[in-house]
Amino acid sequence: MITELVKLNLLEAATDEQLIVKSDLLINDFMKKQEGFIDAELIKEVDKNVWSFIYHFVNIEKLKAIGEAMRKSKEFAEFITLITPGSLSVTIYHQLSKW
């Protein structure tokens, strides 16, 4: 299994609720329909404007294919308008063990 951690900052003009709504559309209307997608979680740092998505995929090939398709989707185009430019960072992990 592959885990992708995506960190971002929300624009000051955007609300938490707007991000949650756009994230819900991105996950439910796009990601959940992609072969190889397992699940996602949205978390926010306490007392900070730093958000993270934790995504799980069956393998790195599926992650790459879904990522390419996502960047072309209308759901992503709407979602990205809420993100502070230059704040997005992506880290990919390979699961070694699970307890």
PDB file of N, CA and C in Angstrom:
ATOM      1  N   MET A   1       0.845  -1.176   0.000  1.00  0.00           N
ATOM      2  CA  MET A   1       0.000   0.000   0.000  1.00  0.00           C
ATOM      3  C   MET A   1       0.892   1.241   0.000  1.00  0.00           C
ATOM      4  N   ILE A   2       0.412   2.272  -0.670  1.00  0.00           N
ATOM      5  CA  ILE A   2       1.111   3.551  -0.764  1.00  0.00           C
ATOM      6  C   ILE A   2       0.291   4.608  -0.034  1.00  0.00           C
ATOM      7  N   THR A   3       0.977   5.429   0.766  1.00  0.00           N
ATOM      8  CA  THR A   3       0.340   6.549   1.450  1.00  0.00           C
ATOM      9  C   THR A   3       0.908   7.836   0.881  1.00  0.00           C
ATOM     10  N   GLU A   4       0.026   8.751   0.533  1.00  0.00           N
ATOM     11  CA  GLU A   4       0.426  10.066   0.044  1.00  0.00           C
ATOM     12  C   GLU A   4      -0.028  11.086   1.073  1.00  0.00           C
ATOM     13  N   LEU A   5       0.896  11.932   1.515  1.00  0.00           N
ATOM     14  CA  LEU A   5       0.592  13.002   2.455  1.00  0.00           C
ATOM     15  C   LEU A   5       0.684  14.318   1.699  1.00  0.00           C
ATOM     16  N   VAL A   6      -0.427  15.036   1.634  1.00  0.00           N
ATOM     17  CA  VAL A   6      -0.486  16.315   0.932  1.00  0.00           C
ATOM     18  C   VAL A   6      -0.764  17.400   1.963  1.00  0.00           C
ATOM     19  N   LYS A   7       0.203  18.322   2.131  1.00  0.00           N
ATOM     20  CA  LYS A   7       0.035  19.433   3.068  1.00  0.00           C
ATOM     21  C   LYS A   7      -0.254  20.702   2.280  1.00  0.00           C
ATOM     22  N   LEU A   8      -1.086  21.573   2.861  1.00  0.00           N
ATOM     23  CA  LEU A   8      -1.434  22.820   2.186  1.00  0.00           C
ATOM     24  C   LEU A   8      -1.900  23.851   3.194  1.00  0.00           C
ATOM     25  N   ASN A   9      -1.903  25.104   2.746  1.00  0.00           N
ATOM     26  CA  ASN A   9      -2.469  26.198   3.518  1.00  0.00           C
ATOM     27  C   ASN A   9      -3.697  26.710   2.778  1.00  0.00           C
ATOM     28  N   LEU A  10      -4.698  27.042   3.531  1.00  0.00           N
ATOM     29  CA  LEU A  10      -5.937  27.588   2.991  1.00  0.00           C
ATOM     30  C   LEU A  10      -5.761  29.087   2.790  1.00  0.00           C
ATOM     31  N   LEU A  11      -6.284  29.616   1.695  1.00  0.00           N
ATOM     32  CA  LEU A  11      -6.259  31.060   1.481  1.00  0.00           C
ATOM     33  C   LEU A  11      -6.940  31.756   2.651  1.00  0.00           C
ATOM     34  N   GLU A  12      -6.447  32.936   3.017  1.00  0.00           N
ATOM     35  CA  GLU A  12      -7.056  33.672   4.121  1.00  0.00           C
ATOM     36  C   GLU A  12      -8.511  34.023   3.834  1.00  0.00           C
ATOM     37  N   ALA A  13      -8.848  34.247   2.562  1.00  0.00           N
ATOM     38  CA  ALA A  13     -10.215  34.616   2.183  1.00  0.00           C
ATOM     39  C   ALA A  13     -11.167  33.417   2.166  1.00  0.00           C
ATOM     40  N   ALA A  14     -10.633  32.214   2.244  1.00  0.00           N
ATOM     41  CA  ALA A  14     -11.465  30.998   2.191  1.00  0.00           C
ATOM     42  C   ALA A  14     -11.775  30.522   3.615  1.00  0.00           C
ATOM     43  N   THR A  15     -12.887  29.818   3.737  1.00  0.00           N
ATOM     44  CA  THR A  15     -13.288  29.301   5.045  1.00  0.00           C
ATOM     45  C   THR A  15     -12.999  27.805   5.152  1.00  0.00           C
ATOM     46  N   ASP A  16     -12.932  27.337   6.385  1.00  0.00           N
ATOM     47  CA  ASP A  16     -12.760  25.905   6.616  1.00  0.00           C
ATOM     48  C   ASP A  16     -13.891  25.133   5.945  1.00  0.00           C
ATOM     49  N   GLU A  17     -15.115  25.647   6.073  1.00  0.00           N
ATOM     50  CA  GLU A  17     -16.281  24.976   5.490  1.00  0.00           C
ATOM     51  C   GLU A  17     -16.159  24.858   3.972  1.00  0.00           C
ATOM     52  N   GLN A  18     -15.659  25.904   3.313  1.00  0.00           N
ATOM     53  CA  GLN A  18     -15.472  25.847   1.858  1.00  0.00           C
ATOM     54  C   GLN A  18     -14.492  24.733   1.488  1.00  0.00           C
ATOM     55  N   LEU A  19     -13.405  24.636   2.244  1.00  0.00           N
ATOM     56  CA  LEU A  19     -12.426  23.583   1.957  1.00  0.00           C
ATOM     57  C   LEU A  19     -13.037  22.204   2.178  1.00  0.00           C
ATOM     58  N   ILE A  20     -13.792  22.049   3.225  1.00  0.00           N
ATOM     59  CA  ILE A  20     -14.416  20.755   3.503  1.00  0.00           C
ATOM     60  C   ILE A  20     -15.399  20.380   2.401  1.00  0.00           C
ATOM     61  N   VAL A  21     -16.200  21.332   1.943  1.00  0.00           N
ATOM     62  CA  VAL A  21     -17.170  21.061   0.868  1.00  0.00           C
ATOM     63  C   VAL A  21     -16.452  20.680  -0.429  1.00  0.00           C
ATOM     64  N   LYS A  22     -15.437  21.455  -0.819  1.00  0.00           N
ATOM     65  CA  LYS A  22     -14.699  21.159  -2.057  1.00  0.00           C
ATOM     66  C   LYS A  22     -13.936  19.838  -1.949  1.00  0.00           C
ATOM     67  N   SER A  23     -13.414  19.545  -0.753  1.00  0.00           N
ATOM     68  CA  SER A  23     -12.721  18.276  -0.536  1.00  0.00           C
ATOM     69  C   SER A  23     -13.676  17.106  -0.665  1.00  0.00           C
ATOM     70  N   ASP A  24     -14.868  17.274  -0.103  1.00  0.00           N
ATOM     71  CA  ASP A  24     -15.890  16.237  -0.193  1.00  0.00           C
ATOM     72  C   ASP A  24     -16.235  15.937  -1.654  1.00  0.00           C
ATOM     73  N   LEU A  25     -16.378  16.977  -2.453  1.00  0.00           N
ATOM     74  CA  LEU A  25     -16.662  16.784  -3.884  1.00  0.00           C
ATOM     75  C   LEU A  25     -15.494  16.094  -4.590  1.00  0.00           C
ATOM     76  N   LEU A  26     -14.274  16.515  -4.282  1.00  0.00           N
ATOM     77  CA  LEU A  26     -13.099  15.908  -4.907  1.00  0.00           C
ATOM     78  C   LEU A  26     -13.001  14.425  -4.562  1.00  0.00           C
ATOM     79  N   ILE A  27     -13.216  14.095  -3.299  1.00  0.00           N
ATOM     80  CA  ILE A  27     -13.105  12.697  -2.875  1.00  0.00           C
ATOM     81  C   ILE A  27     -14.271  11.870  -3.402  1.00  0.00           C
ATOM     82  N   ASN A  28     -15.496  12.321  -3.155  1.00  0.00           N
ATOM     83  CA  ASN A  28     -16.671  11.510  -3.496  1.00  0.00           C
ATOM     84  C   ASN A  28     -16.994  11.480  -4.986  1.00  0.00           C
ATOM     85  N   ASP A  29     -16.807  12.605  -5.672  1.00  0.00           N
ATOM     86  CA  ASP A  29     -17.174  12.664  -7.088  1.00  0.00           C
ATOM     87  C   ASP A  29     -16.038  12.274  -8.027  1.00  0.00           C
ATOM     88  N   PHE A  30     -14.800  12.255  -7.514  1.00  0.00           N
ATOM     89  CA  PHE A  30     -13.695  11.871  -8.381  1.00  0.00           C
ATOM     90  C   PHE A  30     -12.883  10.702  -7.818  1.00  0.00           C
ATOM     91  N   MET A  31     -12.235  10.908  -6.678  1.00  0.00           N
ATOM     92  CA  MET A  31     -11.284   9.914  -6.161  1.00  0.00           C
ATOM     93  C   MET A  31     -11.898   8.538  -5.935  1.00  0.00           C
ATOM     94  N   LYS A  32     -13.067   8.491  -5.327  1.00  0.00           N
ATOM     95  CA  LYS A  32     -13.686   7.198  -5.014  1.00  0.00           C
ATOM     96  C   LYS A  32     -14.045   6.396  -6.263  1.00  0.00           C
ATOM     97  N   LYS A  33     -14.083   7.042  -7.409  1.00  0.00           N
ATOM     98  CA  LYS A  33     -14.417   6.365  -8.663  1.00  0.00           C
ATOM     99  C   LYS A  33     -13.181   5.822  -9.377  1.00  0.00           C
ATOM    100  N   GLN A  34     -11.988   6.099  -8.810  1.00  0.00           N
ATOM    101  CA  GLN A  34     -10.742   5.702  -9.464  1.00  0.00           C
ATOM    102  C   GLN A  34     -10.280   4.334  -8.978  1.00  0.00           C
ATOM    103  N   GLU A  35      -9.912   3.493  -9.931  1.00  0.00           N
ATOM    104  CA  GLU A  35      -9.381   2.169  -9.596  1.00  0.00           C
ATOM    105  C   GLU A  35      -8.035   2.316  -8.891  1.00  0.00           C
ATOM    106  N   GLY A  36      -7.913   1.698  -7.733  1.00  0.00           N
ATOM    107  CA  GLY A  36      -6.667   1.748  -6.990  1.00  0.00           C
ATOM    108  C   GLY A  36      -6.697   2.695  -5.809  1.00  0.00           C
ATOM    109  N   PHE A  37      -7.732   3.518  -5.721  1.00  0.00           N
ATOM    110  CA  PHE A  37      -7.896   4.414  -4.574  1.00  0.00           C
ATOM    111  C   PHE A  37      -8.487   3.617  -3.419  1.00  0.00           C
ATOM    112  N   ILE A  38      -7.929   3.776  -2.221  1.00  0.00           N
ATOM    113  CA  ILE A  38      -8.442   3.059  -1.054  1.00  0.00           C
ATOM    114  C   ILE A  38      -9.277   3.976  -0.176  1.00  0.00           C
ATOM    115  N   ASP A  39      -8.662   5.039   0.360  1.00  0.00           N
ATOM    116  CA  ASP A  39      -9.405   5.960   1.215  1.00  0.00           C
ATOM    117  C   ASP A  39      -8.621   7.251   1.385  1.00  0.00           C
ATOM    118  N   ALA A  40      -9.261   8.207   2.082  1.00  0.00           N
ATOM    119  CA  ALA A  40      -8.637   9.501   2.324  1.00  0.00           C
ATOM    120  C   ALA A  40      -9.089  10.042   3.666  1.00  0.00           C
ATOM    121  N   GLU A  41      -8.253  10.908   4.203  1.00  0.00           N
ATOM    122  CA  GLU A  41      -8.555  11.560   5.480  1.00  0.00           C
ATOM    123  C   GLU A  41      -8.077  13.004   5.384  1.00  0.00           C
ATOM    124  N   LEU A  42      -8.864  13.931   5.900  1.00  0.00           N
ATOM    125  CA  LEU A  42      -8.486  15.339   5.943  1.00  0.00           C
ATOM    126  C   LEU A  42      -8.270  15.715   7.399  1.00  0.00           C
ATOM    127  N   ILE A  43      -7.095  16.288   7.682  1.00  0.00           N
ATOM    128  CA  ILE A  43      -6.782  16.699   9.046  1.00  0.00           C
ATOM    129  C   ILE A  43      -6.270  18.135   9.024  1.00  0.00           C
ATOM    130  N   LYS A  44      -6.346  18.798  10.186  1.00  0.00           N
ATOM    131  CA  LYS A  44      -5.889  20.178  10.298  1.00  0.00           C
ATOM    132  C   LYS A  44      -5.073  20.312  11.581  1.00  0.00           C
ATOM    133  N   GLU A  45      -3.952  21.023  11.477  1.00  0.00           N
ATOM    134  CA  GLU A  45      -3.141  21.264  12.664  1.00  0.00           C
ATOM    135  C   GLU A  45      -3.934  22.105  13.656  1.00  0.00           C
ATOM    136  N   VAL A  46      -3.794  21.798  14.911  1.00  0.00           N
ATOM    137  CA  VAL A  46      -4.473  22.540  15.957  1.00  0.00           C
ATOM    138  C   VAL A  46      -3.926  23.972  15.978  1.00  0.00           C
ATOM    139  N   ASP A  47      -4.824  24.949  15.946  1.00  0.00           N
ATOM    140  CA  ASP A  47      -4.475  26.374  16.031  1.00  0.00           C
ATOM    141  C   ASP A  47      -3.615  26.887  14.883  1.00  0.00           C
ATOM    142  N   LYS A  48      -3.609  26.191  13.759  1.00  0.00           N
ATOM    143  CA  LYS A  48      -2.852  26.655  12.593  1.00  0.00           C
ATOM    144  C   LYS A  48      -3.692  26.486  11.331  1.00  0.00           C
ATOM    145  N   ASN A  49      -3.262  27.147  10.278  1.00  0.00           N
ATOM    146  CA  ASN A  49      -3.935  27.066   8.989  1.00  0.00           C
ATOM    147  C   ASN A  49      -3.245  26.050   8.083  1.00  0.00           C
ATOM    148  N   VAL A  50      -2.777  24.955   8.666  1.00  0.00           N
ATOM    149  CA  VAL A  50      -2.089  23.913   7.903  1.00  0.00           C
ATOM    150  C   VAL A  50      -2.976  22.674   7.870  1.00  0.00           C
ATOM    151  N   TRP A  51      -3.344  22.301   6.680  1.00  0.00           N
ATOM    152  CA  TRP A  51      -4.218  21.152   6.439  1.00  0.00           C
ATOM    153  C   TRP A  51      -3.407  20.043   5.788  1.00  0.00           C
ATOM    154  N   SER A  52      -3.834  18.802   5.996  1.00  0.00           N
ATOM    155  CA  SER A  52      -3.192  17.671   5.328  1.00  0.00           C
ATOM    156  C   SER A  52      -4.245  16.668   4.890  1.00  0.00           C
ATOM    157  N   PHE A  53      -4.001  16.111   3.722  1.00  0.00           N
ATOM    158  CA  PHE A  53      -4.775  14.969   3.245  1.00  0.00           C
ATOM    159  C   PHE A  53      -3.886  13.749   3.378  1.00  0.00           C
ATOM    160  N   ILE A  54      -4.445  12.674   3.867  1.00  0.00           N
ATOM    161  CA  ILE A  54      -3.762  11.388   3.892  1.00  0.00           C
ATOM    162  C   ILE A  54      -4.534  10.484   2.942  1.00  0.00           C
ATOM    163  N   TYR A  55      -3.890  10.103   1.850  1.00  0.00           N
ATOM    164  CA  TYR A  55      -4.514   9.239   0.845  1.00  0.00           C
ATOM    165  C   TYR A  55      -3.840   7.873   0.877  1.00  0.00           C
ATOM    166  N   HIS A  56      -4.612   6.834   0.611  1.00  0.00           N
ATOM    167  CA  HIS A  56      -4.058   5.482   0.475  1.00  0.00           C
ATOM    168  C   HIS A  56      -4.431   4.936  -0.906  1.00  0.00           C
ATOM    169  N   PHE A  57      -3.437   4.310  -1.539  1.00  0.00           N
ATOM    170  CA  PHE A  57      -3.595   3.719  -2.865  1.00  0.00           C
ATOM    171  C   PHE A  57      -3.033   2.302  -2.842  1.00  0.00           C
ATOM    172  N   VAL A  58      -3.487   1.460  -3.758  1.00  0.00           N
ATOM    173  CA  VAL A  58      -3.019   0.069  -3.772  1.00  0.00           C
ATOM    174  C   VAL A  58      -1.550  -0.037  -4.171  1.00  0.00           C
ATOM    175  N   ASN A  59      -1.090   0.847  -5.075  1.00  0.00           N
ATOM    176  CA  ASN A  59       0.317   0.823  -5.477  1.00  0.00           C
ATOM    177  C   ASN A  59       0.703   2.162  -6.101  1.00  0.00           C
ATOM    178  N   ILE A  60       1.976   2.344  -6.342  1.00  0.00           N
ATOM    179  CA  ILE A  60       2.488   3.619  -6.861  1.00  0.00           C
ATOM    180  C   ILE A  60       1.994   3.907  -8.280  1.00  0.00           C
ATOM    181  N   GLU A  61       1.806   2.866  -9.076  1.00  0.00           N
ATOM    182  CA  GLU A  61       1.321   3.056 -10.445  1.00  0.00           C
ATOM    183  C   GLU A  61      -0.084   3.648 -10.441  1.00  0.00           C
ATOM    184  N   LYS A  62      -0.943   3.141  -9.564  1.00  0.00           N
ATOM    185  CA  LYS A  62      -2.317   3.663  -9.465  1.00  0.00           C
ATOM    186  C   LYS A  62      -2.295   5.100  -8.961  1.00  0.00           C
ATOM    187  N   LEU A  63      -1.444   5.387  -7.989  1.00  0.00           N
ATOM    188  CA  LEU A  63      -1.328   6.749  -7.464  1.00  0.00           C
ATOM    189  C   LEU A  63      -0.972   7.710  -8.589  1.00  0.00           C
ATOM    190  N   LYS A  64       0.020   7.354  -9.389  1.00  0.00           N
ATOM    191  CA  LYS A  64       0.449   8.221 -10.490  1.00  0.00           C
ATOM    192  C   LYS A  64      -0.659   8.423 -11.517  1.00  0.00           C
ATOM    193  N   ALA A  65      -1.343   7.353 -11.879  1.00  0.00           N
ATOM    194  CA  ALA A  65      -2.427   7.453 -12.866  1.00  0.00           C
ATOM    195  C   ALA A  65      -3.577   8.309 -12.338  1.00  0.00           C
ATOM    196  N   ILE A  66      -3.929   8.101 -11.084  1.00  0.00           N
ATOM    197  CA  ILE A  66      -5.021   8.882 -10.479  1.00  0.00           C
ATOM    198  C   ILE A  66      -4.602  10.350 -10.368  1.00  0.00           C
ATOM    199  N   GLY A  67      -3.358  10.600  -9.994  1.00  0.00           N
ATOM    200  CA  GLY A  67      -2.865  11.971  -9.890  1.00  0.00           C
ATOM    201  C   GLY A  67      -2.934  12.716 -11.205  1.00  0.00           C
ATOM    202  N   GLU A  68      -2.547  12.050 -12.285  1.00  0.00           N
ATOM    203  CA  GLU A  68      -2.623  12.671 -13.611  1.00  0.00           C
ATOM    204  C   GLU A  68      -4.065  12.988 -13.986  1.00  0.00           C
ATOM    205  N   ALA A  69      -4.954  12.046 -13.760  1.00  0.00           N
ATOM    206  CA  ALA A  69      -6.367  12.257 -14.084  1.00  0.00           C
ATOM    207  C   ALA A  69      -6.980  13.337 -13.192  1.00  0.00           C
ATOM    208  N   MET A  70      -6.609  13.349 -11.931  1.00  0.00           N
ATOM    209  CA  MET A  70      -7.165  14.320 -10.992  1.00  0.00           C
ATOM    210  C   MET A  70      -6.819  15.743 -11.410  1.00  0.00           C
ATOM    211  N   ARG A  71      -5.574  15.979 -11.808  1.00  0.00           N
ATOM    212  CA  ARG A  71      -5.159  17.328 -12.197  1.00  0.00           C
ATOM    213  C   ARG A  71      -5.937  17.858 -13.401  1.00  0.00           C
ATOM    214  N   LYS A  72      -6.588  16.987 -14.145  1.00  0.00           N
ATOM    215  CA  LYS A  72      -7.393  17.387 -15.301  1.00  0.00           C
ATOM    216  C   LYS A  72      -8.882  17.491 -14.956  1.00  0.00           C
ATOM    217  N   SER A  73      -9.255  17.141 -13.729  1.00  0.00           N
ATOM    218  CA  SER A  73     -10.672  17.084 -13.356  1.00  0.00           C
ATOM    219  C   SER A  73     -11.219  18.446 -12.945  1.00  0.00           C
ATOM    220  N   LYS A  74     -12.514  18.636 -13.151  1.00  0.00           N
ATOM    221  CA  LYS A  74     -13.179  19.876 -12.730  1.00  0.00           C
ATOM    222  C   LYS A  74     -13.223  19.978 -11.215  1.00  0.00           C
ATOM    223  N   GLU A  75     -13.299  18.839 -10.521  1.00  0.00           N
ATOM    224  CA  GLU A  75     -13.324  18.848  -9.057  1.00  0.00           C
ATOM    225  C   GLU A  75     -12.024  19.420  -8.492  1.00  0.00           C
ATOM    226  N   PHE A  76     -10.905  19.036  -9.085  1.00  0.00           N
ATOM    227  CA  PHE A  76      -9.617  19.542  -8.635  1.00  0.00           C
ATOM    228  C   PHE A  76      -9.475  21.020  -8.986  1.00  0.00           C
ATOM    229  N   ALA A  77      -9.943  21.419 -10.163  1.00  0.00           N
ATOM    230  CA  ALA A  77      -9.862  22.821 -10.582  1.00  0.00           C
ATOM    231  C   ALA A  77     -10.603  23.718  -9.596  1.00  0.00           C
ATOM    232  N   GLU A  78     -11.735  23.261  -9.093  1.00  0.00           N
ATOM    233  CA  GLU A  78     -12.494  24.038  -8.109  1.00  0.00           C
ATOM    234  C   GLU A  78     -11.812  24.010  -6.748  1.00  0.00           C
ATOM    235  N   PHE A  79     -11.282  22.865  -6.361  1.00  0.00           N
ATOM    236  CA  PHE A  79     -10.619  22.700  -5.073  1.00  0.00           C
ATOM    237  C   PHE A  79      -9.376  23.589  -4.957  1.00  0.00           C
ATOM    238  N   ILE A  80      -8.551  23.609  -5.984  1.00  0.00           N
ATOM    239  CA  ILE A  80      -7.254  24.289  -5.933  1.00  0.00           C
ATOM    240  C   ILE A  80      -7.405  25.802  -5.787  1.00  0.00           C
ATOM    241  N   THR A  81      -8.557  26.354  -6.123  1.00  0.00           N
ATOM    242  CA  THR A  81      -8.774  27.801  -5.994  1.00  0.00           C
ATOM    243  C   THR A  81      -8.774  28.258  -4.533  1.00  0.00           C
ATOM    244  N   LEU A  82      -8.894  27.334  -3.587  1.00  0.00           N
ATOM    245  CA  LEU A  82      -8.923  27.668  -2.165  1.00  0.00           C
ATOM    246  C   LEU A  82      -7.550  27.584  -1.487  1.00  0.00           C
ATOM    247  N   ILE A  83      -6.533  27.146  -2.238  1.00  0.00           N
ATOM    248  CA  ILE A  83      -5.227  26.850  -1.668  1.00  0.00           C
ATOM    249  C   ILE A  83      -4.258  28.019  -1.892  1.00  0.00           C
ATOM    250  N   THR A  84      -3.496  28.353  -0.867  1.00  0.00           N
ATOM    251  CA  THR A  84      -2.477  29.389  -0.984  1.00  0.00           C
ATOM    252  C   THR A  84      -1.425  28.937  -1.997  1.00  0.00           C
ATOM    253  N   PRO A  85      -1.184  29.728  -3.041  1.00  0.00           N
ATOM    254  CA  PRO A  85      -0.185  29.350  -4.049  1.00  0.00           C
ATOM    255  C   PRO A  85       1.175  29.082  -3.406  1.00  0.00           C
ATOM    256  N   GLY A  86       1.806  27.996  -3.833  1.00  0.00           N
ATOM    257  CA  GLY A  86       3.118  27.626  -3.343  1.00  0.00           C
ATOM    258  C   GLY A  86       3.127  26.889  -2.009  1.00  0.00           C
ATOM    259  N   SER A  87       1.950  26.697  -1.402  1.00  0.00           N
ATOM    260  CA  SER A  87       1.914  26.049  -0.088  1.00  0.00           C
ATOM    261  C   SER A  87       1.742  24.536  -0.155  1.00  0.00           C
ATOM    262  N   LEU A  88       1.436  24.017  -1.310  1.00  0.00           N
ATOM    263  CA  LEU A  88       1.156  22.587  -1.472  1.00  0.00           C
ATOM    264  C   LEU A  88       2.456  21.778  -1.478  1.00  0.00           C
ATOM    265  N   SER A  89       2.518  20.747  -0.625  1.00  0.00           N
ATOM    266  CA  SER A  89       3.658  19.832  -0.657  1.00  0.00           C
ATOM    267  C   SER A  89       3.142  18.401  -0.609  1.00  0.00           C
ATOM    268  N   VAL A  90       3.821  17.521  -1.320  1.00  0.00           N
ATOM    269  CA  VAL A  90       3.401  16.128  -1.428  1.00  0.00           C
ATOM    270  C   VAL A  90       4.565  15.224  -1.044  1.00  0.00           C
ATOM    271  N   THR A  91       4.274  14.247  -0.172  1.00  0.00           N
ATOM    272  CA  THR A  91       5.261  13.240   0.206  1.00  0.00           C
ATOM    273  C   THR A  91       4.598  11.877   0.051  1.00  0.00           C
ATOM    274  N   ILE A  92       5.335  10.928  -0.510  1.00  0.00           N
ATOM    275  CA  ILE A  92       4.797   9.589  -0.753  1.00  0.00           C
ATOM    276  C   ILE A  92       5.551   8.587   0.107  1.00  0.00           C
ATOM    277  N   TYR A  93       4.785   7.692   0.741  1.00  0.00           N
ATOM    278  CA  TYR A  93       5.347   6.697   1.642  1.00  0.00           C
ATOM    279  C   TYR A  93       4.915   5.299   1.209  1.00  0.00           C
ATOM    280  N   HIS A  94       5.784   4.336   1.418  1.00  0.00           N
ATOM    281  CA  HIS A  94       5.472   2.925   1.197  1.00  0.00           C
ATOM    282  C   HIS A  94       5.233   2.294   2.559  1.00  0.00           C
ATOM    283  N   GLN A  95       4.085   1.681   2.755  1.00  0.00           N
ATOM    284  CA  GLN A  95       3.775   1.076   4.043  1.00  0.00           C
ATOM    285  C   GLN A  95       4.651  -0.155   4.262  1.00  0.00           C
ATOM    286  N   LEU A  96       5.319  -0.189   5.397  1.00  0.00           N
ATOM    287  CA  LEU A  96       6.182  -1.309   5.741  1.00  0.00           C
ATOM    288  C   LEU A  96       5.539  -2.249   6.750  1.00  0.00           C
ATOM    289  N   SER A  97       4.696  -1.692   7.620  1.00  0.00           N
ATOM    290  CA  SER A  97       4.075  -2.508   8.651  1.00  0.00           C
ATOM    291  C   SER A  97       2.793  -1.821   9.105  1.00  0.00           C
ATOM    292  N   LYS A  98       1.902  -2.569   9.690  1.00  0.00           N
ATOM    293  CA  LYS A  98       0.655  -2.017  10.207  1.00  0.00           C
ATOM    294  C   LYS A  98       0.303  -2.765  11.482  1.00  0.00           C
ATOM    295  N   TRP A  99      -0.092  -2.017  12.510  1.00  0.00           N
ATOM    296  CA  TRP A  99      -0.466  -2.629  13.779  1.00  0.00           C
ATOM    297  C   TRP A  99      -1.897  -2.391  14.086  1.00  0.00           C
TER     298      TRP A  99
END
